[in-house]
Amino acid sequence: MLYIPAKIVFTLTAVIGLVYSFRYVLTMRFWFDLGGKIYKTGLLYDQFANVWAAEILNDVNVQKGGHLYGHQDDTISDITGRNERDNSLTRFGWKFTRFLDVLGKNHSIESIED
């Protein structure tokens, strides 16, 4: 029930916020804040994917008793890192963590938030 109203509010506020922030384009404030907004948006997409892909990520990456994907405050890299640290990744999970290392050496381990 919350999904549709939240989607409408998100769309409206994102568009209004984007248009409103254009007034700052000629100032240093806009350019300083832009990197932070892009990073935070990427983080939100990662958390969104963690929730929506939880079942497949759990099935292919996590051994029984490992940390499960799907919590809205966690990123995919965070949960993968916890499972890597605790040696609870499946064979595919180990390959997945190597894939995530494209983002930086030991990306999953360094993404753990306690």
PDB file of N, CA and C in Angstrom:
ATOM      1  N   MET A   1       0.813  -1.193   0.000  1.00  0.00           N
ATOM      2  CA  MET A   1       0.000   0.000   0.000  1.00  0.00           C
ATOM      3  C   MET A   1       0.862   1.265   0.000  1.00  0.00           C
ATOM      4  N   LEU A   2       2.007   1.209   0.661  1.00  0.00           N
ATOM      5  CA  LEU A   2       2.880   2.372   0.745  1.00  0.00           C
ATOM      6  C   LEU A   2       3.653   2.613  -0.548  1.00  0.00           C
ATOM      7  N   TYR A   3       3.846   1.577  -1.358  1.00  0.00           N
ATOM      8  CA  TYR A   3       4.711   1.667  -2.541  1.00  0.00           C
ATOM      9  C   TYR A   3       4.241   2.744  -3.516  1.00  0.00           C
ATOM     10  N   ILE A   4       2.974   2.740  -3.881  1.00  0.00           N
ATOM     11  CA  ILE A   4       2.480   3.688  -4.899  1.00  0.00           C
ATOM     12  C   ILE A   4       2.552   5.135  -4.407  1.00  0.00           C
ATOM     13  N   PRO A   5       2.040   5.453  -3.210  1.00  0.00           N
ATOM     14  CA  PRO A   5       2.187   6.848  -2.757  1.00  0.00           C
ATOM     15  C   PRO A   5       3.651   7.267  -2.616  1.00  0.00           C
ATOM     16  N   ALA A   6       4.503   6.355  -2.154  1.00  0.00           N
ATOM     17  CA  ALA A   6       5.920   6.694  -2.005  1.00  0.00           C
ATOM     18  C   ALA A   6       6.562   6.966  -3.360  1.00  0.00           C
ATOM     19  N   LYS A   7       6.194   6.186  -4.361  1.00  0.00           N
ATOM     20  CA  LYS A   7       6.722   6.383  -5.715  1.00  0.00           C
ATOM     21  C   LYS A   7       6.286   7.740  -6.268  1.00  0.00           C
ATOM     22  N   ILE A   8       5.031   8.117  -6.024  1.00  0.00           N
ATOM     23  CA  ILE A   8       4.519   9.411  -6.492  1.00  0.00           C
ATOM     24  C   ILE A   8       5.250  10.556  -5.788  1.00  0.00           C
ATOM     25  N   VAL A   9       5.379  10.453  -4.467  1.00  0.00           N
ATOM     26  CA  VAL A   9       6.066  11.505  -3.703  1.00  0.00           C
ATOM     27  C   VAL A   9       7.530  11.597  -4.130  1.00  0.00           C
ATOM     28  N   PHE A  10       8.183  10.456  -4.313  1.00  0.00           N
ATOM     29  CA  PHE A  10       9.580  10.463  -4.757  1.00  0.00           C
ATOM     30  C   PHE A  10       9.713  11.178  -6.095  1.00  0.00           C
ATOM     31  N   THR A  11       8.860  10.822  -7.046  1.00  0.00           N
ATOM     32  CA  THR A  11       8.938  11.410  -8.385  1.00  0.00           C
ATOM     33  C   THR A  11       8.736  12.918  -8.321  1.00  0.00           C
ATOM     34  N   LEU A  12       7.721  13.345  -7.614  1.00  0.00           N
ATOM     35  CA  LEU A  12       7.446  14.784  -7.507  1.00  0.00           C
ATOM     36  C   LEU A  12       8.585  15.532  -6.825  1.00  0.00           C
ATOM     37  N   THR A  13       9.047  15.020  -5.689  1.00  0.00           N
ATOM     38  CA  THR A  13      10.101  15.736  -4.964  1.00  0.00           C
ATOM     39  C   THR A  13      11.430  15.683  -5.704  1.00  0.00           C
ATOM     40  N   ALA A  14      11.718  14.587  -6.396  1.00  0.00           N
ATOM     41  CA  ALA A  14      12.969  14.509  -7.150  1.00  0.00           C
ATOM     42  C   ALA A  14      12.981  15.525  -8.286  1.00  0.00           C
ATOM     43  N   VAL A  15      11.882  15.620  -9.011  1.00  0.00           N
ATOM     44  CA  VAL A  15      11.806  16.576 -10.119  1.00  0.00           C
ATOM     45  C   VAL A  15      11.849  18.011  -9.596  1.00  0.00           C
ATOM     46  N   ILE A  16      11.052  18.294  -8.581  1.00  0.00           N
ATOM     47  CA  ILE A  16      11.035  19.650  -8.006  1.00  0.00           C
ATOM     48  C   ILE A  16      12.410  19.987  -7.435  1.00  0.00           C
ATOM     49  N   GLY A  17      13.027  19.037  -6.724  1.00  0.00           N
ATOM     50  CA  GLY A  17      14.353  19.268  -6.152  1.00  0.00           C
ATOM     51  C   GLY A  17      15.407  19.513  -7.209  1.00  0.00           C
ATOM     52  N   LEU A  18      15.345  18.747  -8.305  1.00  0.00           N
ATOM     53  CA  LEU A  18      16.305  18.916  -9.389  1.00  0.00           C
ATOM     54  C   LEU A  18      16.153  20.294 -10.031  1.00  0.00           C
ATOM     55  N   VAL A  19      14.919  20.668 -10.341  1.00  0.00           N
ATOM     56  CA  VAL A  19      14.669  21.982 -10.954  1.00  0.00           C
ATOM     57  C   VAL A  19      15.101  23.096 -10.002  1.00  0.00           C
ATOM     58  N   TYR A  20      14.761  22.960  -8.738  1.00  0.00           N
ATOM     59  CA  TYR A  20      15.122  23.976  -7.751  1.00  0.00           C
ATOM     60  C   TYR A  20      16.640  24.114  -7.635  1.00  0.00           C
ATOM     61  N   SER A  21      17.354  22.984  -7.665  1.00  0.00           N
ATOM     62  CA  SER A  21      18.807  23.052  -7.499  1.00  0.00           C
ATOM     63  C   SER A  21      19.506  23.666  -8.710  1.00  0.00           C
ATOM     64  N   PHE A  22      18.833  23.746  -9.844  1.00  0.00           N
ATOM     65  CA  PHE A  22      19.434  24.393 -11.009  1.00  0.00           C
ATOM     66  C   PHE A  22      19.749  25.864 -10.752  1.00  0.00           C
ATOM     67  N   ARG A  23      19.065  26.478  -9.818  1.00  0.00           N
ATOM     68  CA  ARG A  23      19.356  27.879  -9.518  1.00  0.00           C
ATOM     69  C   ARG A  23      20.744  28.052  -8.925  1.00  0.00           C
ATOM     70  N   TYR A  24      21.323  26.944  -8.446  1.00  0.00           N
ATOM     71  CA  TYR A  24      22.666  26.976  -7.877  1.00  0.00           C
ATOM     72  C   TYR A  24      23.751  26.595  -8.878  1.00  0.00           C
ATOM     73  N   VAL A  25      23.381  26.305 -10.119  1.00  0.00           N
ATOM     74  CA  VAL A  25      24.338  25.804 -11.107  1.00  0.00           C
ATOM     75  C   VAL A  25      25.532  26.743 -11.269  1.00  0.00           C
ATOM     76  N   LEU A  26      25.309  28.013 -11.205  1.00  0.00           N
ATOM     77  CA  LEU A  26      26.396  28.967 -11.410  1.00  0.00           C
ATOM     78  C   LEU A  26      27.202  29.230 -10.142  1.00  0.00           C
ATOM     79  N   THR A  27      26.853  28.563  -9.063  1.00  0.00           N
ATOM     80  CA  THR A  27      27.592  28.767  -7.818  1.00  0.00           C
ATOM     81  C   THR A  27      28.448  27.538  -7.520  1.00  0.00           C
ATOM     82  N   MET A  28      29.443  27.715  -6.702  1.00  0.00           N
ATOM     83  CA  MET A  28      30.300  26.597  -6.290  1.00  0.00           C
ATOM     84  C   MET A  28      29.517  25.613  -5.433  1.00  0.00           C
ATOM     85  N   ARG A  29      28.501  26.088  -4.744  1.00  0.00           N
ATOM     86  CA  ARG A  29      27.719  25.206  -3.869  1.00  0.00           C
ATOM     87  C   ARG A  29      27.123  24.049  -4.659  1.00  0.00           C
ATOM     88  N   PHE A  30      26.590  24.315  -5.836  1.00  0.00           N
ATOM     89  CA  PHE A  30      25.990  23.263  -6.659  1.00  0.00           C
ATOM     90  C   PHE A  30      27.024  22.203  -6.996  1.00  0.00           C
ATOM     91  N   TRP A  31      28.177  22.618  -7.481  1.00  0.00           N
ATOM     92  CA  TRP A  31      29.197  21.675  -7.911  1.00  0.00           C
ATOM     93  C   TRP A  31      29.785  20.914  -6.731  1.00  0.00           C
ATOM     94  N   PHE A  32      29.862  21.555  -5.573  1.00  0.00           N
ATOM     95  CA  PHE A  32      30.353  20.889  -4.365  1.00  0.00           C
ATOM     96  C   PHE A  32      29.365  19.819  -3.906  1.00  0.00           C
ATOM     97  N   ASP A  33      28.075  20.117  -3.952  1.00  0.00           N
ATOM     98  CA  ASP A  33      27.036  19.180  -3.500  1.00  0.00           C
ATOM     99  C   ASP A  33      26.756  18.071  -4.507  1.00  0.00           C
ATOM    100  N   LEU A  34      27.058  18.282  -5.778  1.00  0.00           N
ATOM    101  CA  LEU A  34      26.699  17.326  -6.820  1.00  0.00           C
ATOM    102  C   LEU A  34      27.322  15.939  -6.597  1.00  0.00           C
ATOM    103  N   GLY A  35      28.589  15.894  -6.269  1.00  0.00           N
ATOM    104  CA  GLY A  35      29.251  14.614  -6.025  1.00  0.00           C
ATOM    105  C   GLY A  35      28.606  13.849  -4.878  1.00  0.00           C
ATOM    106  N   GLY A  36      28.232  14.556  -3.832  1.00  0.00           N
ATOM    107  CA  GLY A  36      27.576  13.924  -2.695  1.00  0.00           C
ATOM    108  C   GLY A  36      26.207  13.380  -3.056  1.00  0.00           C
ATOM    109  N   LYS A  37      25.484  14.126  -3.871  1.00  0.00           N
ATOM    110  CA  LYS A  37      24.155  13.661  -4.287  1.00  0.00           C
ATOM    111  C   LYS A  37      24.262  12.429  -5.180  1.00  0.00           C
ATOM    112  N   ILE A  38      25.234  12.423  -6.063  1.00  0.00           N
ATOM    113  CA  ILE A  38      25.428  11.268  -6.942  1.00  0.00           C
ATOM    114  C   ILE A  38      25.818  10.047  -6.118  1.00  0.00           C
ATOM    115  N   TYR A  39      26.725  10.211  -5.156  1.00  0.00           N
ATOM    116  CA  TYR A  39      27.137   9.102  -4.298  1.00  0.00           C
ATOM    117  C   TYR A  39      25.941   8.563  -3.499  1.00  0.00           C
ATOM    118  N   LYS A  40      25.177   9.451  -2.882  1.00  0.00           N
ATOM    119  CA  LYS A  40      24.030   9.020  -2.065  1.00  0.00           C
ATOM    120  C   LYS A  40      22.959   8.340  -2.910  1.00  0.00           C
ATOM    121  N   THR A  41      22.775   8.814  -4.136  1.00  0.00           N
ATOM    122  CA  THR A  41      21.804   8.177  -5.026  1.00  0.00           C
ATOM    123  C   THR A  41      22.278   6.773  -5.400  1.00  0.00           C
ATOM    124  N   GLY A  42      23.564   6.617  -5.670  1.00  0.00           N
ATOM    125  CA  GLY A  42      24.120   5.296  -5.953  1.00  0.00           C
ATOM    126  C   GLY A  42      23.942   4.352  -4.772  1.00  0.00           C
ATOM    127  N   LEU A  43      24.152   4.860  -3.575  1.00  0.00           N
ATOM    128  CA  LEU A  43      23.962   4.065  -2.362  1.00  0.00           C
ATOM    129  C   LEU A  43      22.509   3.610  -2.228  1.00  0.00           C
ATOM    130  N   LEU A  44      21.578   4.509  -2.513  1.00  0.00           N
ATOM    131  CA  LEU A  44      20.151   4.158  -2.454  1.00  0.00           C
ATOM    132  C   LEU A  44      19.797   3.085  -3.475  1.00  0.00           C
ATOM    133  N   TYR A  45      20.348   3.198  -4.684  1.00  0.00           N
ATOM    134  CA  TYR A  45      20.095   2.170  -5.709  1.00  0.00           C
ATOM    135  C   TYR A  45      20.639   0.815  -5.266  1.00  0.00           C
ATOM    136  N   ASP A  46      21.801   0.829  -4.625  1.00  0.00           N
ATOM    137  CA  ASP A  46      22.398  -0.406  -4.123  1.00  0.00           C
ATOM    138  C   ASP A  46      21.495  -1.037  -3.055  1.00  0.00           C
ATOM    139  N   GLN A  47      20.997  -0.225  -2.136  1.00  0.00           N
ATOM    140  CA  GLN A  47      20.098  -0.729  -1.097  1.00  0.00           C
ATOM    141  C   GLN A  47      18.782  -1.224  -1.711  1.00  0.00           C
ATOM    142  N   PHE A  48      18.298  -0.526  -2.702  1.00  0.00           N
ATOM    143  CA  PHE A  48      17.078  -0.920  -3.414  1.00  0.00           C
ATOM    144  C   PHE A  48      17.274  -2.293  -4.062  1.00  0.00           C
ATOM    145  N   ALA A  49      18.406  -2.475  -4.726  1.00  0.00           N
ATOM    146  CA  ALA A  49      18.706  -3.761  -5.367  1.00  0.00           C
ATOM    147  C   ALA A  49      18.853  -4.863  -4.321  1.00  0.00           C
ATOM    148  N   ASN A  50      19.422  -4.538  -3.165  1.00  0.00           N
ATOM    149  CA  ASN A  50      19.572  -5.513  -2.089  1.00  0.00           C
ATOM    150  C   ASN A  50      18.210  -6.032  -1.628  1.00  0.00           C
ATOM    151  N   VAL A  51      17.228  -5.154  -1.536  1.00  0.00           N
ATOM    152  CA  VAL A  51      15.886  -5.563  -1.116  1.00  0.00           C
ATOM    153  C   VAL A  51      15.215  -6.389  -2.204  1.00  0.00           C
ATOM    154  N   TRP A  52      15.250  -5.912  -3.427  1.00  0.00           N
ATOM    155  CA  TRP A  52      14.506  -6.557  -4.511  1.00  0.00           C
ATOM    156  C   TRP A  52      15.146  -7.845  -5.019  1.00  0.00           C
ATOM    157  N   ALA A  53      16.446  -7.999  -4.854  1.00  0.00           N
ATOM    158  CA  ALA A  53      17.122  -9.210  -5.341  1.00  0.00           C
ATOM    159  C   ALA A  53      17.527 -10.133  -4.191  1.00  0.00           C
ATOM    160  N   ALA A  54      16.971  -9.918  -3.014  1.00  0.00           N
ATOM    161  CA  ALA A  54      17.388 -10.679  -1.824  1.00  0.00           C
ATOM    162  C   ALA A  54      17.298 -12.179  -2.021  1.00  0.00           C
ATOM    163  N   GLU A  55      16.229 -12.659  -2.593  1.00  0.00           N
ATOM    164  CA  GLU A  55      16.035 -14.109  -2.714  1.00  0.00           C
ATOM    165  C   GLU A  55      17.126 -14.757  -3.561  1.00  0.00           C
ATOM    166  N   ILE A  56      17.390 -14.190  -4.712  1.00  0.00           N
ATOM    167  CA  ILE A  56      18.425 -14.794  -5.574  1.00  0.00           C
ATOM    168  C   ILE A  56      19.817 -14.612  -4.975  1.00  0.00           C
ATOM    169  N   LEU A  57      20.083 -13.445  -4.386  1.00  0.00           N
ATOM    170  CA  LEU A  57      21.389 -13.234  -3.767  1.00  0.00           C
ATOM    171  C   LEU A  57      21.616 -14.215  -2.619  1.00  0.00           C
ATOM    172  N   ASN A  58      20.577 -14.455  -1.816  1.00  0.00           N
ATOM    173  CA  ASN A  58      20.694 -15.421  -0.723  1.00  0.00           C
ATOM    174  C   ASN A  58      20.900 -16.837  -1.250  1.00  0.00           C
ATOM    175  N   ASP A  59      20.160 -17.190  -2.294  1.00  0.00           N
ATOM    176  CA  ASP A  59      20.252 -18.547  -2.834  1.00  0.00           C
ATOM    177  C   ASP A  59      21.605 -18.848  -3.472  1.00  0.00           C
ATOM    178  N   VAL A  60      22.190 -17.883  -4.171  1.00  0.00           N
ATOM    179  CA  VAL A  60      23.421 -18.175  -4.909  1.00  0.00           C
ATOM    180  C   VAL A  60      24.698 -17.776  -4.173  1.00  0.00           C
ATOM    181  N   ASN A  61      24.606 -16.900  -3.182  1.00  0.00           N
ATOM    182  CA  ASN A  61      25.819 -16.388  -2.535  1.00  0.00           C
ATOM    183  C   ASN A  61      26.056 -16.872  -1.113  1.00  0.00           C
ATOM    184  N   VAL A  62      25.010 -17.275  -0.403  1.00  0.00           N
ATOM    185  CA  VAL A  62      25.122 -17.470   1.041  1.00  0.00           C
ATOM    186  C   VAL A  62      24.953 -18.941   1.430  1.00  0.00           C
ATOM    187  N   GLN A  63      25.907 -19.429   2.230  1.00  0.00           N
ATOM    188  CA  GLN A  63      25.769 -20.759   2.812  1.00  0.00           C
ATOM    189  C   GLN A  63      24.796 -20.677   3.993  1.00  0.00           C
ATOM    190  N   LYS A  64      24.258 -21.801   4.388  1.00  0.00           N
ATOM    191  CA  LYS A  64      23.327 -21.847   5.517  1.00  0.00           C
ATOM    192  C   LYS A  64      23.997 -21.245   6.754  1.00  0.00           C
ATOM    193  N   GLY A  65      23.265 -20.370   7.415  1.00  0.00           N
ATOM    194  CA  GLY A  65      23.776 -19.712   8.611  1.00  0.00           C
ATOM    195  C   GLY A  65      24.511 -18.416   8.348  1.00  0.00           C
ATOM    196  N   GLY A  66      24.651 -18.038   7.088  1.00  0.00           N
ATOM    197  CA  GLY A  66      25.357 -16.804   6.751  1.00  0.00           C
ATOM    198  C   GLY A  66      24.465 -15.580   6.901  1.00  0.00           C
ATOM    199  N   HIS A  67      25.040 -14.435   6.646  1.00  0.00           N
ATOM    200  CA  HIS A  67      24.300 -13.175   6.703  1.00  0.00           C
ATOM    201  C   HIS A  67      23.422 -13.069   5.461  1.00  0.00           C
ATOM    202  N   LEU A  68      22.162 -12.723   5.660  1.00  0.00           N
ATOM    203  CA  LEU A  68      21.213 -12.687   4.550  1.00  0.00           C
ATOM    204  C   LEU A  68      21.071 -11.287   3.962  1.00  0.00           C
ATOM    205  N   TYR A  69      20.884 -11.253   2.672  1.00  0.00           N
ATOM    206  CA  TYR A  69      20.588 -10.019   1.958  1.00  0.00           C
ATOM    207  C   TYR A  69      19.116  -9.672   2.199  1.00  0.00           C
ATOM    208  N   GLY A  70      18.739  -8.422   1.895  1.00  0.00           N
ATOM    209  CA  GLY A  70      17.343  -8.050   1.914  1.00  0.00           C
ATOM    210  C   GLY A  70      16.959  -6.929   2.865  1.00  0.00           C
ATOM    211  N   HIS A  71      17.840  -6.550   3.785  1.00  0.00           N
ATOM    212  CA  HIS A  71      17.492  -5.461   4.704  1.00  0.00           C
ATOM    213  C   HIS A  71      17.713  -4.117   4.014  1.00  0.00           C
ATOM    214  N   GLN A  72      16.773  -3.221   4.153  1.00  0.00           N
ATOM    215  CA  GLN A  72      16.794  -1.959   3.417  1.00  0.00           C
ATOM    216  C   GLN A  72      17.954  -1.037   3.780  1.00  0.00           C
ATOM    217  N   ASP A  73      18.584  -1.239   4.914  1.00  0.00           N
ATOM    218  CA  ASP A  73      19.696  -0.360   5.306  1.00  0.00           C
ATOM    219  C   ASP A  73      21.061  -0.914   4.903  1.00  0.00           C
ATOM    220  N   ASP A  74      21.082  -2.107   4.324  1.00  0.00           N
ATOM    221  CA  ASP A  74      22.344  -2.727   3.940  1.00  0.00           C
ATOM    222  C   ASP A  74      22.579  -2.622   2.440  1.00  0.00           C
ATOM    223  N   THR A  75      23.848  -2.558   2.066  1.00  0.00           N
ATOM    224  CA  THR A  75      24.193  -2.621   0.653  1.00  0.00           C
ATOM    225  C   THR A  75      24.582  -4.062   0.307  1.00  0.00           C
ATOM    226  N   ILE A  76      24.585  -4.367  -0.959  1.00  0.00           N
ATOM    227  CA  ILE A  76      24.984  -5.697  -1.418  1.00  0.00           C
ATOM    228  C   ILE A  76      26.438  -5.964  -1.026  1.00  0.00           C
ATOM    229  N   SER A  77      27.287  -4.973  -1.171  1.00  0.00           N
ATOM    230  CA  SER A  77      28.699  -5.140  -0.832  1.00  0.00           C
ATOM    231  C   SER A  77      28.897  -5.394   0.658  1.00  0.00           C
ATOM    232  N   ASP A  78      28.127  -4.733   1.496  1.00  0.00           N
ATOM    233  CA  ASP A  78      28.212  -4.914   2.942  1.00  0.00           C
ATOM    234  C   ASP A  78      27.908  -6.356   3.333  1.00  0.00           C
ATOM    235  N   ILE A  79      26.813  -6.902   2.849  1.00  0.00           N
ATOM    236  CA  ILE A  79      26.434  -8.270   3.196  1.00  0.00           C
ATOM    237  C   ILE A  79      27.413  -9.269   2.586  1.00  0.00           C
ATOM    238  N   THR A  80      27.844  -9.010   1.362  1.00  0.00           N
ATOM    239  CA  THR A  80      28.841  -9.889   0.743  1.00  0.00           C
ATOM    240  C   THR A  80      30.129  -9.874   1.564  1.00  0.00           C
ATOM    241  N   GLY A  81      30.530  -8.702   2.016  1.00  0.00           N
ATOM    242  CA  GLY A  81      31.731  -8.580   2.845  1.00  0.00           C
ATOM    243  C   GLY A  81      31.605  -9.316   4.167  1.00  0.00           C
ATOM    244  N   ARG A  82      30.447  -9.238   4.806  1.00  0.00           N
ATOM    245  CA  ARG A  82      30.238  -9.958   6.072  1.00  0.00           C
ATOM    246  C   ARG A  82      30.357 -11.470   5.846  1.00  0.00           C
ATOM    247  N   ASN A  83      29.773 -11.929   4.750  1.00  0.00           N
ATOM    248  CA  ASN A  83      29.851 -13.358   4.447  1.00  0.00           C
ATOM    249  C   ASN A  83      31.272 -13.774   4.060  1.00  0.00           C
ATOM    250  N   GLU A  84      31.979 -12.879   3.372  1.00  0.00           N
ATOM    251  CA  GLU A  84      33.373 -13.173   3.039  1.00  0.00           C
ATOM    252  C   GLU A  84      34.205 -13.259   4.319  1.00  0.00           C
ATOM    253  N   ARG A  85      34.033 -12.298   5.193  1.00  0.00           N
ATOM    254  CA  ARG A  85      34.768 -12.276   6.469  1.00  0.00           C
ATOM    255  C   ARG A  85      34.495 -13.533   7.301  1.00  0.00           C
ATOM    256  N   ASP A  86      33.227 -13.982   7.307  1.00  0.00           N
ATOM    257  CA  ASP A  86      32.824 -15.125   8.130  1.00  0.00           C
ATOM    258  C   ASP A  86      32.912 -16.456   7.386  1.00  0.00           C
ATOM    259  N   ASN A  87      33.469 -16.413   6.172  1.00  0.00           N
ATOM    260  CA  ASN A  87      33.654 -17.617   5.359  1.00  0.00           C
ATOM    261  C   ASN A  87      32.322 -18.354   5.130  1.00  0.00           C
ATOM    262  N   SER A  88      31.271 -17.597   4.840  1.00  0.00           N
ATOM    263  CA  SER A  88      29.949 -18.207   4.618  1.00  0.00           C
ATOM    264  C   SER A  88      29.424 -17.943   3.202  1.00  0.00           C
ATOM    265  N   LEU A  89      30.347 -17.723   2.275  1.00  0.00           N
ATOM    266  CA  LEU A  89      29.970 -17.564   0.874  1.00  0.00           C
ATOM    267  C   LEU A  89      29.963 -18.919   0.174  1.00  0.00           C
ATOM    268  N   THR A  90      29.091 -19.050  -0.794  1.00  0.00           N
ATOM    269  CA  THR A  90      29.110 -20.228  -1.652  1.00  0.00           C
ATOM    270  C   THR A  90      30.249 -20.065  -2.661  1.00  0.00           C
ATOM    271  N   ARG A  91      30.450 -21.070  -3.487  1.00  0.00           N
ATOM    272  CA  ARG A  91      31.477 -20.976  -4.536  1.00  0.00           C
ATOM    273  C   ARG A  91      31.177 -19.772  -5.445  1.00  0.00           C
ATOM    274  N   PHE A  92      29.907 -19.630  -5.835  1.00  0.00           N
ATOM    275  CA  PHE A  92      29.527 -18.483  -6.664  1.00  0.00           C
ATOM    276  C   PHE A  92      29.725 -17.180  -5.904  1.00  0.00           C
ATOM    277  N   GLY A  93      29.432 -17.176  -4.603  1.00  0.00           N
ATOM    278  CA  GLY A  93      29.612 -15.976  -3.781  1.00  0.00           C
ATOM    279  C   GLY A  93      31.043 -15.485  -3.781  1.00  0.00           C
ATOM    280  N   TRP A  94      32.005 -16.424  -3.770  1.00  0.00           N
ATOM    281  CA  TRP A  94      33.416 -16.035  -3.833  1.00  0.00           C
ATOM    282  C   TRP A  94      33.737 -15.396  -5.181  1.00  0.00           C
ATOM    283  N   LYS A  95      33.154 -15.913  -6.248  1.00  0.00           N
ATOM    284  CA  LYS A  95      33.350 -15.300  -7.566  1.00  0.00           C
ATOM    285  C   LYS A  95      32.703 -13.912  -7.609  1.00  0.00           C
ATOM    286  N   PHE A  96      31.545 -13.814  -6.965  1.00  0.00           N
ATOM    287  CA  PHE A  96      30.833 -12.529  -6.930  1.00  0.00           C
ATOM    288  C   PHE A  96      31.658 -11.470  -6.195  1.00  0.00           C
ATOM    289  N   THR A  97      32.279 -11.854  -5.095  1.00  0.00           N
ATOM    290  CA  THR A  97      33.082 -10.880  -4.359  1.00  0.00           C
ATOM    291  C   THR A  97      34.306 -10.453  -5.168  1.00  0.00           C
ATOM    292  N   ARG A  98      34.863 -11.370  -5.977  1.00  0.00           N
ATOM    293  CA  ARG A  98      35.973 -10.993  -6.860  1.00  0.00           C
ATOM    294  C   ARG A  98      35.484 -10.011  -7.928  1.00  0.00           C
ATOM    295  N   PHE A  99      34.250 -10.222  -8.410  1.00  0.00           N
ATOM    296  CA  PHE A  99      33.655  -9.300  -9.369  1.00  0.00           C
ATOM    297  C   PHE A  99      33.506  -7.911  -8.742  1.00  0.00           C
ATOM    298  N   LEU A 100      33.065  -7.855  -7.500  1.00  0.00           N
ATOM    299  CA  LEU A 100      32.904  -6.565  -6.822  1.00  0.00           C
ATOM    300  C   LEU A 100      34.236  -5.857  -6.595  1.00  0.00           C
ATOM    301  N   ASP A 101      35.329  -6.614  -6.623  1.00  0.00           N
ATOM    302  CA  ASP A 101      36.651  -6.001  -6.461  1.00  0.00           C
ATOM    303  C   ASP A 101      37.013  -5.077  -7.622  1.00  0.00           C
ATOM    304  N   VAL A 102      36.236  -5.108  -8.691  1.00  0.00           N
ATOM    305  CA  VAL A 102      36.420  -4.144  -9.782  1.00  0.00           C
ATOM    306  C   VAL A 102      36.234  -2.722  -9.233  1.00  0.00           C
ATOM    307  N   LEU A 103      35.394  -2.589  -8.200  1.00  0.00           N
ATOM    308  CA  LEU A 103      35.139  -1.287  -7.589  1.00  0.00           C
ATOM    309  C   LEU A 103      36.274  -0.836  -6.674  1.00  0.00           C
ATOM    310  N   GLY A 104      37.189  -1.725  -6.398  1.00  0.00           N
ATOM    311  CA  GLY A 104      38.332  -1.432  -5.535  1.00  0.00           C
ATOM    312  C   GLY A 104      38.793  -2.700  -4.842  1.00  0.00           C
ATOM    313  N   LYS A 105      40.077  -2.777  -4.579  1.00  0.00           N
ATOM    314  CA  LYS A 105      40.627  -3.967  -3.932  1.00  0.00           C
ATOM    315  C   LYS A 105      39.952  -4.186  -2.574  1.00  0.00           C
ATOM    316  N   ASN A 106      39.544  -5.427  -2.320  1.00  0.00           N
ATOM    317  CA  ASN A 106      38.860  -5.795  -1.079  1.00  0.00           C
ATOM    318  C   ASN A 106      37.596  -4.963  -0.842  1.00  0.00           C
ATOM    319  N   HIS A 107      36.894  -4.653  -1.922  1.00  0.00           N
ATOM    320  CA  HIS A 107      35.724  -3.785  -1.836  1.00  0.00           C
ATOM    321  C   HIS A 107      34.692  -4.261  -0.828  1.00  0.00           C
ATOM    322  N   SER A 108      34.352  -5.546  -0.875  1.00  0.00           N
ATOM    323  CA  SER A 108      33.320  -6.066   0.018  1.00  0.00           C
ATOM    324  C   SER A 108      33.717  -5.954   1.482  1.00  0.00           C
ATOM    325  N   ILE A 109      34.932  -6.354   1.790  1.00  0.00           N
ATOM    326  CA  ILE A 109      35.422  -6.282   3.169  1.00  0.00           C
ATOM    327  C   ILE A 109      35.424  -4.820   3.664  1.00  0.00           C
ATOM    328  N   GLU A 110      35.863  -3.913   2.809  1.00  0.00           N
ATOM    329  CA  GLU A 110      35.932  -2.514   3.202  1.00  0.00           C
ATOM    330  C   GLU A 110      34.551  -1.857   3.254  1.00  0.00           C
ATOM    331  N   SER A 111      33.536  -2.528   2.711  1.00  0.00           N
ATOM    332  CA  SER A 111      32.166  -1.981   2.704  1.00  0.00           C
ATOM    333  C   SER A 111      31.366  -2.375   3.949  1.00  0.00           C
ATOM    334  N   ILE A 112      31.943  -3.195   4.805  1.00  0.00           N
ATOM    335  CA  ILE A 112      31.207  -3.653   5.999  1.00  0.00           C
ATOM    336  C   ILE A 112      30.925  -2.475   6.909  1.00  0.00           C
ATOM    337  N   GLU A 113      29.654  -2.334   7.273  1.00  0.00           N
ATOM    338  CA  GLU A 113      29.229  -1.293   8.220  1.00  0.00           C
ATOM    339  C   GLU A 113      28.734  -1.983   9.472  1.00  0.00           C
ATOM    340  N   ASP A 114      29.352  -1.692  10.596  1.00  0.00           N
ATOM    341  CA  ASP A 114      28.931  -2.315  11.853  1.00  0.00           C
ATOM    342  C   ASP A 114      28.029  -1.425  12.656  1.00  0.00           C
TER     343      ASP A 114
END
